[in-house]
Amino acid sequence: MNKYVALLACLLLSACQYLPFPQLTSSTTIGGSNAFLLGNNPHGSFTVSLKNLAETDIKIWRCPIDGGQHSPVQVKPNEQISVRVEKNTALRIENASAKAVDVLLKVKGDTGLSMGYQKP
């Protein structure tokens, strides 16, 4: 009996590597002089891989949902960065230019995130 339990445990542990983990992929357009807010709701932590597909710089901020902002990052054209975002913190992607910009987002972790646009 113990051999069967051990065999079953090994099979379950081996199968865990094939479980789907939450992931979200999005190509997002942010209008001129606008910002995109990802995760402005209660949630767990998540990681974002972001690629700036535009010809201008964009700025990334971490914004706790109870107020404030911190950790600004300037992202140059065609640059790709990875950002770990804490629990109950939004990621704000600012486009200060007059032209619309495109970003490619790959989100891992908690993907139950609100998404919306906000004027700076």
C-alpha atoms as a PDB file:
ATOM      1  CA  MET A   1       0.000   0.000   0.000  1.00  0.00           C
ATOM      2  CA  ASN A   2       2.813   2.435   0.889  1.00  0.00           C
ATOM      3  CA  LYS A   3       4.432   1.765  -2.495  1.00  0.00           C
ATOM      4  CA  TYR A   4       1.238   2.844  -4.259  1.00  0.00           C
ATOM      5  CA  VAL A   5       0.966   6.023  -2.188  1.00  0.00           C
ATOM      6  CA  ALA A   6       4.611   6.870  -2.909  1.00  0.00           C
ATOM      7  CA  LEU A   7       4.126   6.187  -6.630  1.00  0.00           C
ATOM      8  CA  LEU A   8       0.979   8.337  -6.715  1.00  0.00           C
ATOM      9  CA  ALA A   9       2.778  11.185  -4.912  1.00  0.00           C
ATOM     10  CA  CYS A  10       5.657  11.041  -7.422  1.00  0.00           C
ATOM     11  CA  LEU A  11       3.241  11.119 -10.350  1.00  0.00           C
ATOM     12  CA  LEU A  12       1.373  14.115  -8.926  1.00  0.00           C
ATOM     13  CA  LEU A  13       4.594  16.038  -8.287  1.00  0.00           C
ATOM     14  CA  SER A  14       5.809  15.284 -11.798  1.00  0.00           C
ATOM     15  CA  ALA A  15       2.526  16.433 -13.321  1.00  0.00           C
ATOM     16  CA  CYS A  16       2.680  19.808 -11.504  1.00  0.00           C
ATOM     17  CA  GLN A  17       5.180  21.117 -14.038  1.00  0.00           C
ATOM     18  CA  TYR A  18       2.469  20.973 -16.710  1.00  0.00           C
ATOM     19  CA  LEU A  19      -0.137  22.992 -14.792  1.00  0.00           C
ATOM     20  CA  PRO A  20      -1.121  26.223 -16.527  1.00  0.00           C
ATOM     21  CA  PHE A  21      -0.038  29.281 -14.582  1.00  0.00           C
ATOM     22  CA  PRO A  22      -2.013  32.493 -15.055  1.00  0.00           C
ATOM     23  CA  GLN A  23      -0.604  34.656 -17.827  1.00  0.00           C
ATOM     24  CA  LEU A  24      -1.946  37.607 -19.783  1.00  0.00           C
ATOM     25  CA  THR A  25      -0.522  38.975 -23.037  1.00  0.00           C
ATOM     26  CA  SER A  26      -1.694  42.274 -24.500  1.00  0.00           C
ATOM     27  CA  SER A  27      -0.647  44.804 -27.108  1.00  0.00           C
ATOM     28  CA  THR A  28      -1.887  48.099 -25.704  1.00  0.00           C
ATOM     29  CA  THR A  29      -2.181  51.515 -27.344  1.00  0.00           C
ATOM     30  CA  ILE A  30      -1.920  54.566 -25.100  1.00  0.00           C
ATOM     31  CA  GLY A  31      -3.146  57.832 -26.595  1.00  0.00           C
ATOM     32  CA  GLY A  32      -1.133  61.034 -26.596  1.00  0.00           C
ATOM     33  CA  SER A  33      -0.737  62.685 -23.176  1.00  0.00           C
ATOM     34  CA  ASN A  34      -2.514  59.745 -21.547  1.00  0.00           C
ATOM     35  CA  ALA A  35      -1.687  56.915 -19.134  1.00  0.00           C
ATOM     36  CA  PHE A  36      -2.694  53.257 -18.812  1.00  0.00           C
ATOM     37  CA  LEU A  37      -3.343  51.889 -15.314  1.00  0.00           C
ATOM     38  CA  LEU A  38      -3.007  48.138 -14.726  1.00  0.00           C
ATOM     39  CA  GLY A  39      -4.188  46.703 -11.405  1.00  0.00           C
ATOM     40  CA  ASN A  40      -5.918  49.642  -9.725  1.00  0.00           C
ATOM     41  CA  ASN A  41      -7.950  47.195  -7.617  1.00  0.00           C
ATOM     42  CA  PRO A  42      -7.242  44.825  -4.687  1.00  0.00           C
ATOM     43  CA  HIS A  43      -5.048  41.965  -5.978  1.00  0.00           C
ATOM     44  CA  GLY A  44      -1.947  39.857  -5.331  1.00  0.00           C
ATOM     45  CA  SER A  45       1.535  40.518  -6.697  1.00  0.00           C
ATOM     46  CA  PHE A  46       2.333  40.177 -10.392  1.00  0.00           C
ATOM     47  CA  THR A  47       5.233  40.586 -12.806  1.00  0.00           C
ATOM     48  CA  VAL A  48       5.069  42.525 -16.065  1.00  0.00           C
ATOM     49  CA  SER A  49       7.384  42.133 -19.028  1.00  0.00           C
ATOM     50  CA  LEU A  50       6.914  45.342 -21.002  1.00  0.00           C
ATOM     51  CA  LYS A  51       8.306  46.268 -24.411  1.00  0.00           C
ATOM     52  CA  ASN A  52       8.045  49.837 -25.677  1.00  0.00           C
ATOM     53  CA  LEU A  53       7.047  49.519 -29.352  1.00  0.00           C
ATOM     54  CA  ALA A  54       6.871  53.304 -29.849  1.00  0.00           C
ATOM     55  CA  GLU A  55       9.376  55.841 -31.164  1.00  0.00           C
ATOM     56  CA  THR A  56       9.309  57.863 -27.929  1.00  0.00           C
ATOM     57  CA  ASP A  57      10.140  57.215 -24.276  1.00  0.00           C
ATOM     58  CA  ILE A  58       7.449  56.181 -21.805  1.00  0.00           C
ATOM     59  CA  LYS A  59       7.541  56.302 -18.012  1.00  0.00           C
ATOM     60  CA  ILE A  60       6.439  53.524 -15.653  1.00  0.00           C
ATOM     61  CA  TRP A  61       5.333  54.111 -12.035  1.00  0.00           C
ATOM     62  CA  ARG A  62       4.214  51.817  -9.227  1.00  0.00           C
ATOM     63  CA  CYS A  63       1.086  53.296  -7.584  1.00  0.00           C
ATOM     64  CA  PRO A  64      -0.311  51.779  -4.345  1.00  0.00           C
ATOM     65  CA  ILE A  65      -4.102  51.669  -4.595  1.00  0.00           C
ATOM     66  CA  ASP A  66      -4.400  53.643  -1.337  1.00  0.00           C
ATOM     67  CA  GLY A  67      -2.498  56.587  -2.887  1.00  0.00           C
ATOM     68  CA  GLY A  68       0.900  57.843  -4.000  1.00  0.00           C
ATOM     69  CA  GLN A  69       3.398  56.662  -6.595  1.00  0.00           C
ATOM     70  CA  HIS A  70       7.023  55.531  -6.512  1.00  0.00           C
ATOM     71  CA  SER A  71       9.873  53.852  -8.419  1.00  0.00           C
ATOM     72  CA  PRO A  72       9.737  55.663 -11.774  1.00  0.00           C
ATOM     73  CA  VAL A  73      11.392  53.921 -14.727  1.00  0.00           C
ATOM     74  CA  GLN A  74      12.049  55.549 -18.108  1.00  0.00           C
ATOM     75  CA  VAL A  75      11.634  53.031 -20.966  1.00  0.00           C
ATOM     76  CA  LYS A  76      13.312  53.920 -24.258  1.00  0.00           C
ATOM     77  CA  PRO A  77      11.990  52.930 -27.718  1.00  0.00           C
ATOM     78  CA  ASN A  78      12.274  49.164 -28.387  1.00  0.00           C
ATOM     79  CA  GLU A  79      13.517  48.587 -24.821  1.00  0.00           C
ATOM     80  CA  GLN A  80      12.108  45.653 -22.877  1.00  0.00           C
ATOM     81  CA  ILE A  81      11.968  45.630 -19.076  1.00  0.00           C
ATOM     82  CA  SER A  82      10.584  43.378 -16.363  1.00  0.00           C
ATOM     83  CA  VAL A  83       8.795  44.911 -13.372  1.00  0.00           C
ATOM     84  CA  ARG A  84       7.636  43.108 -10.229  1.00  0.00           C
ATOM     85  CA  VAL A  85       4.535  44.808  -8.826  1.00  0.00           C
ATOM     86  CA  GLU A  86       3.586  44.399  -5.181  1.00  0.00           C
ATOM     87  CA  LYS A  87       0.211  43.328  -3.791  1.00  0.00           C
ATOM     88  CA  ASN A  88      -2.469  46.059  -4.096  1.00  0.00           C
ATOM     89  CA  THR A  89      -0.241  48.255  -6.263  1.00  0.00           C
ATOM     90  CA  ALA A  90      -1.050  49.422  -9.794  1.00  0.00           C
ATOM     91  CA  LEU A  91       1.380  49.829 -12.665  1.00  0.00           C
ATOM     92  CA  ARG A  92       0.983  53.196 -14.378  1.00  0.00           C
ATOM     93  CA  ILE A  93       2.358  53.530 -17.926  1.00  0.00           C
ATOM     94  CA  GLU A  94       2.594  57.204 -18.913  1.00  0.00           C
ATOM     95  CA  ASN A  95       2.795  58.556 -22.432  1.00  0.00           C
ATOM     96  CA  ALA A  96       3.905  62.201 -22.231  1.00  0.00           C
ATOM     97  CA  SER A  97       4.196  62.619 -26.013  1.00  0.00           C
ATOM     98  CA  ALA A  98       1.441  63.987 -28.251  1.00  0.00           C
ATOM     99  CA  LYS A  99       1.457  60.823 -30.399  1.00  0.00           C
ATOM    100  CA  ALA A 100      -0.083  57.486 -29.413  1.00  0.00           C
ATOM    101  CA  VAL A 101       2.320  54.739 -28.314  1.00  0.00           C
ATOM    102  CA  ASP A 102       2.088  50.946 -28.334  1.00  0.00           C
ATOM    103  CA  VAL A 103       3.404  48.638 -25.614  1.00  0.00           C
ATOM    104  CA  LEU A 104       3.519  44.861 -25.451  1.00  0.00           C
ATOM    105  CA  LEU A 105       2.591  43.520 -22.006  1.00  0.00           C
ATOM    106  CA  LYS A 106       3.097  40.006 -20.650  1.00  0.00           C
ATOM    107  CA  VAL A 107       1.691  39.634 -17.145  1.00  0.00           C
ATOM    108  CA  LYS A 108       2.367  36.673 -14.844  1.00  0.00           C
ATOM    109  CA  GLY A 109       1.017  36.087 -11.358  1.00  0.00           C
ATOM    110  CA  ASP A 110      -2.309  37.541 -10.306  1.00  0.00           C
ATOM    111  CA  THR A 111      -4.108  38.376 -13.553  1.00  0.00           C
ATOM    112  CA  GLY A 112      -7.387  39.530 -11.990  1.00  0.00           C
ATOM    113  CA  LEU A 113      -6.345  43.113 -12.644  1.00  0.00           C
ATOM    114  CA  SER A 114      -8.424  46.119 -13.579  1.00  0.00           C
ATOM    115  CA  MET A 115      -7.318  47.987 -16.706  1.00  0.00           C
ATOM    116  CA  GLY A 116      -8.118  51.520 -17.715  1.00  0.00           C
ATOM    117  CA  TYR A 117      -6.902  54.832 -19.063  1.00  0.00           C
ATOM    118  CA  GLN A 118      -6.245  57.953 -17.032  1.00  0.00           C
ATOM    119  CA  LYS A 119      -5.289  61.510 -17.935  1.00  0.00           C
ATOM    120  CA  PRO A 120      -2.048  62.538 -16.182  1.00  0.00           C
END
